[in-house]
Amino acid sequence: MIARLSGILVEKSVTQCVVDVHGAGYRVVVPLTTFYELPEIGQPVVIHVHTHVREDAIHLYGFHAQEEQAVFQLMISVSGIGPKLAINILSGIAAGELIRAVMEDDLKRLTGIPGVGKKTAERMILELKDKVAKLDRETIPVGTVLAKTGAQVKDDALSALVNLGYKGSAVKEVVDRIMREAPETPSLDRLLKQALRTLAG
């Protein structure tokens, strides 16, 4: 079972990357937080990996930090949450903030994550509260997690889209419009998805 990859980054996108390890290319699904930490194409990279084995496929899920991997593995222990949803959740909320939301029974924050409904959020709180309480608070400092401002979310989205090859002027126009029309500051995940749909249209 693959637990760690160390090689050369040959492809990257907001949802996955490919790491060349001695001539073998490993496709790894990553959350946005890990995407932002990836180096430029052609540079060395180290990714912590969770290997998910099914009857018909083997999928690799990668993380820049072991702490985020630990939170991911706790989430997939919750009934109804598979690896894909867990990755989406970590793209919409930082690991430390997720822990805090679970510990504080913050349903509003959890249901604000794309793909998480009320029942899923309630299960997360019920099944994870005791588990996350045991995590090393020094490793994942819950108290220091801050929500990103609208300006930070916008800057992160612009950076990600430009890195994917879209022209800066077109990206700025689309992102500005989405931010202007949104009733409240959208999560980075939601903003990127809306922008990618518009740019691809």
C-alpha atoms as a PDB file:
ATOM      1  CA  MET A   1       0.000   0.000   0.000  1.00  0.00           C
ATOM      2  CA  ILE A   2       1.398   3.402  -1.014  1.00  0.00           C
ATOM      3  CA  ALA A   3       1.786   5.791   1.937  1.00  0.00           C
ATOM      4  CA  ARG A   4       4.155   8.400   0.479  1.00  0.00           C
ATOM      5  CA  LEU A   5       5.383   9.511  -2.937  1.00  0.00           C
ATOM      6  CA  SER A   6       8.648  11.315  -3.610  1.00  0.00           C
ATOM      7  CA  GLY A   7       9.415  12.212  -7.205  1.00  0.00           C
ATOM      8  CA  ILE A   8       9.029  14.831  -9.924  1.00  0.00           C
ATOM      9  CA  LEU A   9       5.772  16.698 -10.476  1.00  0.00           C
ATOM     10  CA  VAL A  10       4.778  16.238 -14.124  1.00  0.00           C
ATOM     11  CA  GLU A  11       1.138  17.427 -14.086  1.00  0.00           C
ATOM     12  CA  LYS A  12      -1.052  19.434 -11.723  1.00  0.00           C
ATOM     13  CA  SER A  13      -4.564  20.841 -11.583  1.00  0.00           C
ATOM     14  CA  VAL A  14      -6.907  22.033  -8.837  1.00  0.00           C
ATOM     15  CA  THR A  15      -8.142  18.475  -8.317  1.00  0.00           C
ATOM     16  CA  GLN A  16      -5.203  16.184  -9.020  1.00  0.00           C
ATOM     17  CA  CYS A  17      -1.542  15.843  -9.899  1.00  0.00           C
ATOM     18  CA  VAL A  18       0.809  13.292 -11.443  1.00  0.00           C
ATOM     19  CA  VAL A  19       4.101  12.407  -9.769  1.00  0.00           C
ATOM     20  CA  ASP A  20       6.848  10.623 -11.712  1.00  0.00           C
ATOM     21  CA  VAL A  21       8.692   8.169  -9.474  1.00  0.00           C
ATOM     22  CA  HIS A  22      11.579   6.546 -11.365  1.00  0.00           C
ATOM     23  CA  GLY A  23       9.630   6.521 -14.622  1.00  0.00           C
ATOM     24  CA  ALA A  24       6.265   5.476 -13.203  1.00  0.00           C
ATOM     25  CA  GLY A  25       3.560   8.162 -13.128  1.00  0.00           C
ATOM     26  CA  TYR A  26       1.189   8.144 -10.152  1.00  0.00           C
ATOM     27  CA  ARG A  27      -2.065  10.101 -10.461  1.00  0.00           C
ATOM     28  CA  VAL A  28      -3.058  11.545  -7.090  1.00  0.00           C
ATOM     29  CA  VAL A  29      -6.310  13.303  -6.173  1.00  0.00           C
ATOM     30  CA  VAL A  30      -5.602  16.341  -3.968  1.00  0.00           C
ATOM     31  CA  PRO A  31      -7.602  18.985  -2.079  1.00  0.00           C
ATOM     32  CA  LEU A  32      -7.119  22.651  -2.976  1.00  0.00           C
ATOM     33  CA  THR A  33      -4.967  23.202   0.094  1.00  0.00           C
ATOM     34  CA  THR A  34      -2.420  20.733  -1.263  1.00  0.00           C
ATOM     35  CA  PHE A  35      -2.702  22.114  -4.802  1.00  0.00           C
ATOM     36  CA  TYR A  36      -1.509  25.490  -3.542  1.00  0.00           C
ATOM     37  CA  GLU A  37       1.558  23.884  -1.974  1.00  0.00           C
ATOM     38  CA  LEU A  38       2.613  22.023  -5.127  1.00  0.00           C
ATOM     39  CA  PRO A  39       5.837  23.209  -6.775  1.00  0.00           C
ATOM     40  CA  GLU A  40       6.191  24.119 -10.438  1.00  0.00           C
ATOM     41  CA  ILE A  41       6.027  21.356 -13.054  1.00  0.00           C
ATOM     42  CA  GLY A  42       9.361  19.541 -13.286  1.00  0.00           C
ATOM     43  CA  GLN A  43      10.278  20.174  -9.648  1.00  0.00           C
ATOM     44  CA  PRO A  44      10.724  17.567  -6.866  1.00  0.00           C
ATOM     45  CA  VAL A  45       7.658  16.939  -4.707  1.00  0.00           C
ATOM     46  CA  VAL A  46       6.759  14.838  -1.663  1.00  0.00           C
ATOM     47  CA  ILE A  47       3.131  13.859  -1.060  1.00  0.00           C
ATOM     48  CA  HIS A  48       1.626  11.900   1.827  1.00  0.00           C
ATOM     49  CA  VAL A  49      -0.787   9.366   0.360  1.00  0.00           C
ATOM     50  CA  HIS A  50      -3.899   7.502   1.402  1.00  0.00           C
ATOM     51  CA  THR A  51      -4.455   4.461  -0.836  1.00  0.00           C
ATOM     52  CA  HIS A  52      -8.114   3.599  -1.353  1.00  0.00           C
ATOM     53  CA  VAL A  53      -8.664   0.107  -2.750  1.00  0.00           C
ATOM     54  CA  ARG A  54     -11.922  -0.962  -4.379  1.00  0.00           C
ATOM     55  CA  GLU A  55     -12.790  -4.097  -6.304  1.00  0.00           C
ATOM     56  CA  ASP A  56     -12.473  -2.300  -9.631  1.00  0.00           C
ATOM     57  CA  ALA A  57      -9.856   0.383  -8.947  1.00  0.00           C
ATOM     58  CA  ILE A  58      -7.102   1.749  -6.744  1.00  0.00           C
ATOM     59  CA  HIS A  59      -7.222   5.499  -6.050  1.00  0.00           C
ATOM     60  CA  LEU A  60      -4.521   7.628  -4.454  1.00  0.00           C
ATOM     61  CA  TYR A  61      -5.434  10.670  -2.342  1.00  0.00           C
ATOM     62  CA  GLY A  62      -2.555  12.995  -1.541  1.00  0.00           C
ATOM     63  CA  PHE A  63      -1.776  15.663   1.040  1.00  0.00           C
ATOM     64  CA  HIS A  64       0.978  18.185   1.559  1.00  0.00           C
ATOM     65  CA  ALA A  65       0.736  17.798   5.354  1.00  0.00           C
ATOM     66  CA  GLN A  66       0.338  14.621   7.391  1.00  0.00           C
ATOM     67  CA  GLU A  67      -2.050  16.468   9.707  1.00  0.00           C
ATOM     68  CA  GLU A  68      -4.500  17.010   6.860  1.00  0.00           C
ATOM     69  CA  GLN A  69      -4.175  13.360   5.905  1.00  0.00           C
ATOM     70  CA  ALA A  70      -5.075  12.407   9.484  1.00  0.00           C
ATOM     71  CA  VAL A  71      -8.257  14.518   9.332  1.00  0.00           C
ATOM     72  CA  PHE A  72      -9.129  13.001   5.921  1.00  0.00           C
ATOM     73  CA  GLN A  73      -8.799   9.483   7.333  1.00  0.00           C
ATOM     74  CA  LEU A  74     -11.067  10.388  10.238  1.00  0.00           C
ATOM     75  CA  MET A  75     -13.685  11.776   7.860  1.00  0.00           C
ATOM     76  CA  ILE A  76     -13.892   8.657   5.703  1.00  0.00           C
ATOM     77  CA  SER A  77     -14.676   6.699   8.871  1.00  0.00           C
ATOM     78  CA  VAL A  78     -17.985   8.590   9.050  1.00  0.00           C
ATOM     79  CA  SER A  79     -20.912   6.694   7.541  1.00  0.00           C
ATOM     80  CA  GLY A  80     -21.896   8.249   4.222  1.00  0.00           C
ATOM     81  CA  ILE A  81     -18.580  10.049   3.628  1.00  0.00           C
ATOM     82  CA  GLY A  82     -16.323   8.520   1.004  1.00  0.00           C
ATOM     83  CA  PRO A  83     -12.879   9.689  -0.115  1.00  0.00           C
ATOM     84  CA  LYS A  84     -14.223  11.953  -2.867  1.00  0.00           C
ATOM     85  CA  LEU A  85     -16.531  13.864  -0.526  1.00  0.00           C
ATOM     86  CA  ALA A  86     -13.799  14.028   2.128  1.00  0.00           C
ATOM     87  CA  ILE A  87     -11.432  15.652  -0.397  1.00  0.00           C
ATOM     88  CA  ASN A  88     -14.146  18.136  -1.397  1.00  0.00           C
ATOM     89  CA  ILE A  89     -14.738  18.979   2.259  1.00  0.00           C
ATOM     90  CA  LEU A  90     -11.040  19.683   2.818  1.00  0.00           C
ATOM     91  CA  SER A  91     -11.077  21.897  -0.270  1.00  0.00           C
ATOM     92  CA  GLY A  92     -13.829  23.970   1.324  1.00  0.00           C
ATOM     93  CA  ILE A  93     -12.557  24.204   4.904  1.00  0.00           C
ATOM     94  CA  ALA A  94      -9.135  24.071   6.567  1.00  0.00           C
ATOM     95  CA  ALA A  95      -8.422  21.009   8.707  1.00  0.00           C
ATOM     96  CA  GLY A  96      -8.145  23.050  11.897  1.00  0.00           C
ATOM     97  CA  GLU A  97     -11.367  24.930  11.225  1.00  0.00           C
ATOM     98  CA  LEU A  98     -13.157  21.639  10.527  1.00  0.00           C
ATOM     99  CA  ILE A  99     -12.024  20.299  13.883  1.00  0.00           C
ATOM    100  CA  ARG A 100     -13.239  23.430  15.607  1.00  0.00           C
ATOM    101  CA  ALA A 101     -16.634  23.251  13.868  1.00  0.00           C
ATOM    102  CA  VAL A 102     -17.065  19.624  14.952  1.00  0.00           C
ATOM    103  CA  MET A 103     -16.006  20.349  18.541  1.00  0.00           C
ATOM    104  CA  GLU A 104     -18.367  23.342  18.772  1.00  0.00           C
ATOM    105  CA  ASP A 105     -21.366  21.617  17.104  1.00  0.00           C
ATOM    106  CA  ASP A 106     -21.271  24.324  14.427  1.00  0.00           C
ATOM    107  CA  LEU A 107     -23.851  22.958  11.974  1.00  0.00           C
ATOM    108  CA  LYS A 108     -24.057  26.250  10.115  1.00  0.00           C
ATOM    109  CA  ARG A 109     -20.345  26.197   9.263  1.00  0.00           C
ATOM    110  CA  LEU A 110     -20.359  22.529   8.283  1.00  0.00           C
ATOM    111  CA  THR A 111     -23.453  22.788   6.075  1.00  0.00           C
ATOM    112  CA  GLY A 112     -21.817  25.772   4.377  1.00  0.00           C
ATOM    113  CA  ILE A 113     -19.260  23.382   2.859  1.00  0.00           C
ATOM    114  CA  PRO A 114     -20.218  22.344  -0.699  1.00  0.00           C
ATOM    115  CA  GLY A 115     -21.650  18.819  -0.696  1.00  0.00           C
ATOM    116  CA  VAL A 116     -22.400  18.692   3.046  1.00  0.00           C
ATOM    117  CA  GLY A 117     -26.062  18.611   3.994  1.00  0.00           C
ATOM    118  CA  LYS A 118     -27.584  18.778   7.460  1.00  0.00           C
ATOM    119  CA  LYS A 119     -27.670  15.003   7.989  1.00  0.00           C
ATOM    120  CA  THR A 120     -24.045  14.592   6.933  1.00  0.00           C
ATOM    121  CA  ALA A 121     -22.980  17.462   9.191  1.00  0.00           C
ATOM    122  CA  GLU A 122     -24.862  15.926  12.124  1.00  0.00           C
ATOM    123  CA  ARG A 123     -23.175  12.567  11.521  1.00  0.00           C
ATOM    124  CA  MET A 124     -19.768  14.275  11.381  1.00  0.00           C
ATOM    125  CA  ILE A 125     -20.358  15.892  14.761  1.00  0.00           C
ATOM    126  CA  LEU A 126     -21.727  12.693  16.315  1.00  0.00           C
ATOM    127  CA  GLU A 127     -19.045  10.336  14.983  1.00  0.00           C
ATOM    128  CA  LEU A 128     -15.991  12.603  14.979  1.00  0.00           C
ATOM    129  CA  LYS A 129     -16.179  14.659  18.172  1.00  0.00           C
ATOM    130  CA  ASP A 130     -14.411  12.107  20.378  1.00  0.00           C
ATOM    131  CA  LYS A 131     -11.895  11.244  17.641  1.00  0.00           C
ATOM    132  CA  VAL A 132     -10.831  14.795  16.804  1.00  0.00           C
ATOM    133  CA  ALA A 133     -10.489  15.582  20.493  1.00  0.00           C
ATOM    134  CA  LYS A 134      -7.627  13.077  20.588  1.00  0.00           C
ATOM    135  CA  LEU A 135      -5.689  14.733  17.756  1.00  0.00           C
ATOM    136  CA  ASP A 136      -2.537  16.607  18.691  1.00  0.00           C
ATOM    137  CA  ARG A 137      -3.631  20.209  19.211  1.00  0.00           C
ATOM    138  CA  GLU A 138      -0.072  21.406  18.668  1.00  0.00           C
ATOM    139  CA  THR A 139       0.044  19.675  15.305  1.00  0.00           C
ATOM    140  CA  ILE A 140      -3.316  21.073  14.193  1.00  0.00           C
ATOM    141  CA  PRO A 141      -3.727  24.375  16.100  1.00  0.00           C
ATOM    142  CA  VAL A 142      -7.492  24.773  16.199  1.00  0.00           C
ATOM    143  CA  GLY A 143      -7.497  28.154  17.878  1.00  0.00           C
ATOM    144  CA  THR A 144      -5.354  29.865  15.260  1.00  0.00           C
ATOM    145  CA  VAL A 145      -7.484  29.067  12.209  1.00  0.00           C
ATOM    146  CA  LEU A 146      -8.965  32.194  10.683  1.00  0.00           C
ATOM    147  CA  ALA A 147     -11.686  32.460   8.074  1.00  0.00           C
ATOM    148  CA  LYS A 148     -10.436  33.935   4.833  1.00  0.00           C
ATOM    149  CA  THR A 149     -11.685  37.341   3.790  1.00  0.00           C
ATOM    150  CA  GLY A 150     -13.369  37.934   0.473  1.00  0.00           C
ATOM    151  CA  ALA A 151     -10.182  39.526  -0.856  1.00  0.00           C
ATOM    152  CA  GLN A 152      -8.118  36.473   0.113  1.00  0.00           C
ATOM    153  CA  VAL A 153     -10.599  34.068  -1.478  1.00  0.00           C
ATOM    154  CA  LYS A 154     -10.576  36.162  -4.642  1.00  0.00           C
ATOM    155  CA  ASP A 155      -6.775  36.291  -4.782  1.00  0.00           C
ATOM    156  CA  ASP A 156      -6.524  32.519  -4.224  1.00  0.00           C
ATOM    157  CA  ALA A 157      -9.030  31.844  -7.014  1.00  0.00           C
ATOM    158  CA  LEU A 158      -7.253  34.181  -9.454  1.00  0.00           C
ATOM    159  CA  SER A 159      -3.919  32.520  -8.714  1.00  0.00           C
ATOM    160  CA  ALA A 160      -5.304  28.994  -9.190  1.00  0.00           C
ATOM    161  CA  LEU A 161      -7.051  29.813 -12.469  1.00  0.00           C
ATOM    162  CA  VAL A 162      -4.030  31.610 -13.931  1.00  0.00           C
ATOM    163  CA  ASN A 163      -1.863  28.621 -12.951  1.00  0.00           C
ATOM    164  CA  LEU A 164      -4.256  26.425 -14.934  1.00  0.00           C
ATOM    165  CA  GLY A 165      -3.492  28.479 -18.047  1.00  0.00           C
ATOM    166  CA  TYR A 166      -6.414  30.902 -18.246  1.00  0.00           C
ATOM    167  CA  LYS A 167      -5.665  34.507 -19.216  1.00  0.00           C
ATOM    168  CA  GLY A 168      -5.511  36.918 -16.305  1.00  0.00           C
ATOM    169  CA  SER A 169      -7.897  39.482 -17.783  1.00  0.00           C
ATOM    170  CA  ALA A 170     -10.611  36.907 -18.537  1.00  0.00           C
ATOM    171  CA  VAL A 171     -10.197  35.289 -15.147  1.00  0.00           C
ATOM    172  CA  LYS A 172     -10.456  38.599 -13.287  1.00  0.00           C
ATOM    173  CA  GLU A 173     -13.640  39.555 -15.113  1.00  0.00           C
ATOM    174  CA  VAL A 174     -15.329  36.219 -14.345  1.00  0.00           C
ATOM    175  CA  VAL A 175     -14.237  36.104 -10.696  1.00  0.00           C
ATOM    176  CA  ASP A 176     -15.231  39.731 -10.110  1.00  0.00           C
ATOM    177  CA  ARG A 177     -18.709  39.057 -11.495  1.00  0.00           C
ATOM    178  CA  ILE A 178     -19.233  35.931  -9.369  1.00  0.00           C
ATOM    179  CA  MET A 179     -18.065  37.746  -6.219  1.00  0.00           C
ATOM    180  CA  ARG A 180     -20.300  40.725  -7.011  1.00  0.00           C
ATOM    181  CA  GLU A 181     -23.409  38.596  -7.597  1.00  0.00           C
ATOM    182  CA  ALA A 182     -22.909  36.241  -4.624  1.00  0.00           C
ATOM    183  CA  PRO A 183     -25.116  37.042  -1.589  1.00  0.00           C
ATOM    184  CA  GLU A 184     -22.131  36.351   0.676  1.00  0.00           C
ATOM    185  CA  THR A 185     -18.451  35.553   0.234  1.00  0.00           C
ATOM    186  CA  PRO A 186     -18.370  32.145  -1.512  1.00  0.00           C
ATOM    187  CA  SER A 187     -15.980  29.414  -0.417  1.00  0.00           C
ATOM    188  CA  LEU A 188     -12.881  29.027  -2.565  1.00  0.00           C
ATOM    189  CA  ASP A 189     -14.130  25.659  -3.806  1.00  0.00           C
ATOM    190  CA  ARG A 190     -17.478  27.081  -4.913  1.00  0.00           C
ATOM    191  CA  LEU A 191     -15.882  30.138  -6.515  1.00  0.00           C
ATOM    192  CA  LEU A 192     -13.442  27.996  -8.510  1.00  0.00           C
ATOM    193  CA  LYS A 193     -16.169  25.628  -9.692  1.00  0.00           C
ATOM    194  CA  GLN A 194     -18.389  28.488 -10.879  1.00  0.00           C
ATOM    195  CA  ALA A 195     -15.468  30.226 -12.579  1.00  0.00           C
ATOM    196  CA  LEU A 196     -14.301  27.053 -14.337  1.00  0.00           C
ATOM    197  CA  ARG A 197     -17.826  26.383 -15.627  1.00  0.00           C
ATOM    198  CA  THR A 198     -18.050  29.934 -16.989  1.00  0.00           C
ATOM    199  CA  LEU A 199     -14.572  29.901 -18.548  1.00  0.00           C
ATOM    200  CA  ALA A 200     -15.200  26.529 -20.176  1.00  0.00           C
ATOM    201  CA  GLY A 201     -18.535  27.639 -21.618  1.00  0.00           C
END
